[in-house]
């Protein structure tokens, strides 16, 4: 069992995902809970990276897609 406090929750998975998770747990000698927690941690870490990138670029001017296409056409790129 994990060394830190945990909360119990119910997660509904399709039969195929449940089977894949169960097999991976057996092959990696991890519990299904550990694998799910790691997947959630990775997803949240990815969100944190995205938010940081957004914050870094927040002050950059935005360019409308329409203008990008017009410029590409004007420059003979499309």
N, C-alpha and C. Protein backbone atom coordinates (compact mmCIF):
# COMPACT_ATOMS: atom_id res chain seq x y z
N UNK A 1 0.84 -1.19 0.00
CA UNK A 1 0.00 0.00 0.00
C UNK A 1 0.88 1.25 0.00
N UNK A 2 0.34 2.36 -0.49
CA UNK A 2 1.09 3.60 -0.59
C UNK A 2 1.35 4.19 0.79
N UNK A 3 2.45 4.90 0.95
CA UNK A 3 2.88 5.43 2.23
C UNK A 3 2.20 6.75 2.59
N UNK A 4 1.41 7.31 1.74
CA UNK A 4 0.76 8.59 2.01
C UNK A 4 -0.75 8.38 2.08
N UNK A 5 -1.43 9.37 2.66
CA UNK A 5 -2.88 9.27 2.82
C UNK A 5 -3.55 9.21 1.45
N UNK A 6 -4.55 8.38 1.35
CA UNK A 6 -5.27 8.24 0.08
C UNK A 6 -6.76 8.41 0.32
N UNK A 7 -7.47 8.70 -0.73
CA UNK A 7 -8.92 8.78 -0.73
C UNK A 7 -9.43 7.75 -1.72
N UNK A 8 -10.50 7.12 -1.38
CA UNK A 8 -11.09 6.11 -2.24
C UNK A 8 -12.05 6.78 -3.22
N UNK A 9 -12.03 6.32 -4.47
CA UNK A 9 -12.94 6.83 -5.49
C UNK A 9 -13.31 5.69 -6.42
N UNK A 10 -14.32 5.90 -7.20
CA UNK A 10 -14.75 4.90 -8.18
C UNK A 10 -14.43 5.43 -9.57
N UNK A 11 -13.80 4.61 -10.37
CA UNK A 11 -13.48 4.96 -11.75
C UNK A 11 -14.12 3.91 -12.64
N UNK A 12 -14.87 4.36 -13.63
CA UNK A 12 -15.49 3.44 -14.57
C UNK A 12 -14.66 3.38 -15.83
N UNK A 13 -14.28 2.18 -16.23
CA UNK A 13 -13.47 1.96 -17.42
C UNK A 13 -14.20 1.02 -18.35
N UNK A 14 -13.92 1.19 -19.62
CA UNK A 14 -14.45 0.22 -20.57
C UNK A 14 -13.78 -1.12 -20.29
N UNK A 15 -14.42 -2.22 -20.69
CA UNK A 15 -13.80 -3.53 -20.46
C UNK A 15 -12.40 -3.64 -21.06
N UNK A 16 -12.19 -3.07 -22.23
CA UNK A 16 -10.88 -3.15 -22.88
C UNK A 16 -9.82 -2.39 -22.09
N UNK A 17 -10.16 -1.19 -21.61
CA UNK A 17 -9.19 -0.42 -20.81
C UNK A 17 -8.92 -1.11 -19.48
N UNK A 18 -9.96 -1.66 -18.88
CA UNK A 18 -9.77 -2.36 -17.61
C UNK A 18 -8.84 -3.56 -17.79
N UNK A 19 -9.04 -4.30 -18.85
CA UNK A 19 -8.19 -5.47 -19.14
C UNK A 19 -6.75 -5.03 -19.37
N UNK A 20 -6.56 -3.97 -20.16
CA UNK A 20 -5.21 -3.47 -20.43
C UNK A 20 -4.54 -2.99 -19.14
N UNK A 21 -5.29 -2.30 -18.30
CA UNK A 21 -4.75 -1.81 -17.04
C UNK A 21 -4.37 -2.97 -16.12
N UNK A 22 -5.23 -3.96 -16.06
CA UNK A 22 -4.95 -5.12 -15.21
C UNK A 22 -3.70 -5.86 -15.68
N UNK A 23 -3.56 -6.03 -16.99
CA UNK A 23 -2.38 -6.71 -17.54
C UNK A 23 -1.12 -5.89 -17.28
N UNK A 24 -1.21 -4.58 -17.50
CA UNK A 24 -0.03 -3.73 -17.25
C UNK A 24 0.36 -3.78 -15.78
N UNK A 25 -0.61 -3.77 -14.90
CA UNK A 25 -0.33 -3.84 -13.46
C UNK A 25 0.41 -5.13 -13.14
N UNK A 26 -0.03 -6.22 -13.71
CA UNK A 26 0.63 -7.51 -13.47
C UNK A 26 2.05 -7.51 -14.03
N UNK A 27 2.21 -6.99 -15.22
CA UNK A 27 3.52 -7.03 -15.88
C UNK A 27 4.52 -6.06 -15.27
N UNK A 28 4.04 -4.98 -14.66
CA UNK A 28 4.95 -3.98 -14.09
C UNK A 28 5.06 -4.10 -12.57
N UNK A 29 4.34 -5.06 -12.01
CA UNK A 29 4.35 -5.27 -10.56
C UNK A 29 3.91 -4.01 -9.82
N UNK A 30 2.93 -3.32 -10.39
CA UNK A 30 2.32 -2.14 -9.76
C UNK A 30 0.84 -2.43 -9.60
N UNK A 31 0.21 -1.71 -8.69
CA UNK A 31 -1.23 -1.86 -8.56
C UNK A 31 -1.93 -1.03 -9.63
N UNK A 32 -3.18 -1.37 -9.89
CA UNK A 32 -3.95 -0.58 -10.83
C UNK A 32 -4.10 0.85 -10.31
N UNK A 33 -4.25 1.01 -9.00
CA UNK A 33 -4.34 2.35 -8.41
C UNK A 33 -3.07 3.15 -8.66
N UNK A 34 -1.91 2.52 -8.50
CA UNK A 34 -0.64 3.22 -8.75
C UNK A 34 -0.55 3.67 -10.20
N UNK A 35 -0.95 2.83 -11.12
CA UNK A 35 -0.90 3.19 -12.54
C UNK A 35 -1.86 4.34 -12.85
N UNK A 36 -3.05 4.29 -12.27
CA UNK A 36 -4.02 5.37 -12.50
C UNK A 36 -3.50 6.67 -11.90
N UNK A 37 -2.96 6.61 -10.68
CA UNK A 37 -2.43 7.83 -10.06
C UNK A 37 -1.30 8.42 -10.88
N UNK A 38 -0.43 7.58 -11.40
CA UNK A 38 0.68 8.08 -12.22
C UNK A 38 0.17 8.74 -13.49
N UNK A 39 -0.85 8.14 -14.12
CA UNK A 39 -1.43 8.73 -15.33
C UNK A 39 -2.04 10.10 -15.03
N UNK A 40 -2.69 10.22 -13.88
CA UNK A 40 -3.28 11.50 -13.50
C UNK A 40 -2.19 12.52 -13.21
N UNK A 41 -1.14 12.10 -12.49
CA UNK A 41 -0.02 13.01 -12.21
C UNK A 41 0.59 13.53 -13.51
N UNK A 42 0.82 12.63 -14.47
CA UNK A 42 1.40 13.04 -15.75
C UNK A 42 0.49 14.02 -16.48
N UNK A 43 -0.80 13.77 -16.46
CA UNK A 43 -1.74 14.66 -17.12
C UNK A 43 -1.74 16.04 -16.47
N UNK A 44 -1.72 16.08 -15.14
CA UNK A 44 -1.69 17.36 -14.43
C UNK A 44 -0.37 18.09 -14.65
N UNK A 45 0.73 17.35 -14.71
CA UNK A 45 2.03 17.96 -14.98
C UNK A 45 2.05 18.58 -16.38
N UNK A 46 1.44 17.89 -17.33
CA UNK A 46 1.36 18.42 -18.69
C UNK A 46 0.54 19.71 -18.70
N UNK A 47 -0.55 19.74 -17.94
CA UNK A 47 -1.34 20.97 -17.84
C UNK A 47 -0.51 22.10 -17.25
N UNK A 48 0.28 21.80 -16.22
CA UNK A 48 1.12 22.82 -15.59
C UNK A 48 2.12 23.38 -16.60
N UNK A 49 2.68 22.53 -17.43
CA UNK A 49 3.62 22.98 -18.47
C UNK A 49 2.90 23.88 -19.47
N UNK A 50 1.70 23.48 -19.87
CA UNK A 50 0.91 24.29 -20.81
C UNK A 50 0.59 25.66 -20.22
N UNK A 51 0.19 25.69 -18.92
CA UNK A 51 -0.14 26.97 -18.29
C UNK A 51 1.10 27.85 -18.21
N UNK A 52 2.25 27.26 -17.91
CA UNK A 52 3.49 28.04 -17.84
C UNK A 52 3.83 28.61 -19.21
N UNK A 53 3.67 27.82 -20.26
CA UNK A 53 3.95 28.31 -21.61
C UNK A 53 3.00 29.45 -21.98
N UNK A 54 1.74 29.30 -21.60
CA UNK A 54 0.77 30.37 -21.86
C UNK A 54 1.19 31.64 -21.13
N UNK A 55 1.55 31.51 -19.85
CA UNK A 55 1.96 32.68 -19.07
C UNK A 55 3.18 33.37 -19.69
N UNK A 56 4.12 32.58 -20.20
CA UNK A 56 5.32 33.16 -20.82
C UNK A 56 4.98 33.94 -22.09
N UNK A 57 3.93 33.51 -22.80
CA UNK A 57 3.61 34.14 -24.07
C UNK A 57 2.40 35.06 -24.00
N UNK A 58 1.90 35.28 -22.81
CA UNK A 58 0.67 36.05 -22.62
C UNK A 58 0.72 37.43 -23.27
N UNK A 59 1.87 38.08 -23.24
CA UNK A 59 1.98 39.45 -23.75
C UNK A 59 2.33 39.53 -25.23
N UNK A 60 2.51 38.38 -25.87
CA UNK A 60 2.78 38.40 -27.31
C UNK A 60 1.53 38.83 -28.06
N UNK A 61 1.71 39.58 -29.13
CA UNK A 61 0.53 39.98 -29.90
C UNK A 61 -0.11 38.76 -30.57
N UNK A 62 -1.40 38.77 -30.62
CA UNK A 62 -2.08 37.67 -31.30
C UNK A 62 -2.27 38.03 -32.77
N UNK A 63 -2.32 37.01 -33.60
CA UNK A 63 -2.49 37.20 -35.03
C UNK A 63 -3.68 36.35 -35.46
N UNK A 64 -4.60 36.96 -36.16
CA UNK A 64 -5.78 36.24 -36.64
C UNK A 64 -5.38 35.25 -37.72
N UNK A 65 -5.99 34.10 -37.70
CA UNK A 65 -5.72 33.05 -38.70
C UNK A 65 -5.91 33.61 -40.11
N UNK A 66 -6.97 34.39 -40.29
CA UNK A 66 -7.25 34.99 -41.60
C UNK A 66 -6.06 35.80 -42.08
N UNK A 67 -5.42 36.56 -41.20
CA UNK A 67 -4.27 37.38 -41.57
C UNK A 67 -3.06 36.52 -41.91
N UNK A 68 -2.88 35.43 -41.19
CA UNK A 68 -1.78 34.51 -41.49
C UNK A 68 -1.92 33.95 -42.91
N UNK A 69 -3.14 33.53 -43.25
CA UNK A 69 -3.39 32.98 -44.59
C UNK A 69 -3.18 34.05 -45.65
N UNK A 70 -3.67 35.25 -45.39
CA UNK A 70 -3.47 36.35 -46.35
C UNK A 70 -1.98 36.62 -46.57
N UNK A 71 -1.21 36.64 -45.49
CA UNK A 71 0.23 36.89 -45.61
C UNK A 71 0.92 35.77 -46.37
N UNK A 72 0.54 34.54 -46.13
CA UNK A 72 1.12 33.42 -46.87
C UNK A 72 0.82 33.54 -48.36
N UNK A 73 -0.39 33.93 -48.66
CA UNK A 73 -0.77 34.10 -50.08
C UNK A 73 -0.01 35.26 -50.70
N UNK A 74 0.08 36.37 -49.96
CA UNK A 74 0.79 37.55 -50.46
C UNK A 74 2.26 37.24 -50.74
N UNK A 75 2.86 36.41 -49.87
CA UNK A 75 4.27 36.07 -50.02
C UNK A 75 4.51 34.92 -50.97
N UNK A 76 3.45 34.42 -51.62
CA UNK A 76 3.60 33.34 -52.59
C UNK A 76 3.87 31.97 -51.95
N UNK A 77 3.58 31.82 -50.70
CA UNK A 77 3.81 30.56 -50.00
C UNK A 77 2.67 29.57 -50.25
N UNK A 78 1.50 30.10 -50.57
CA UNK A 78 0.35 29.23 -50.90
C UNK A 78 -0.35 29.76 -52.12
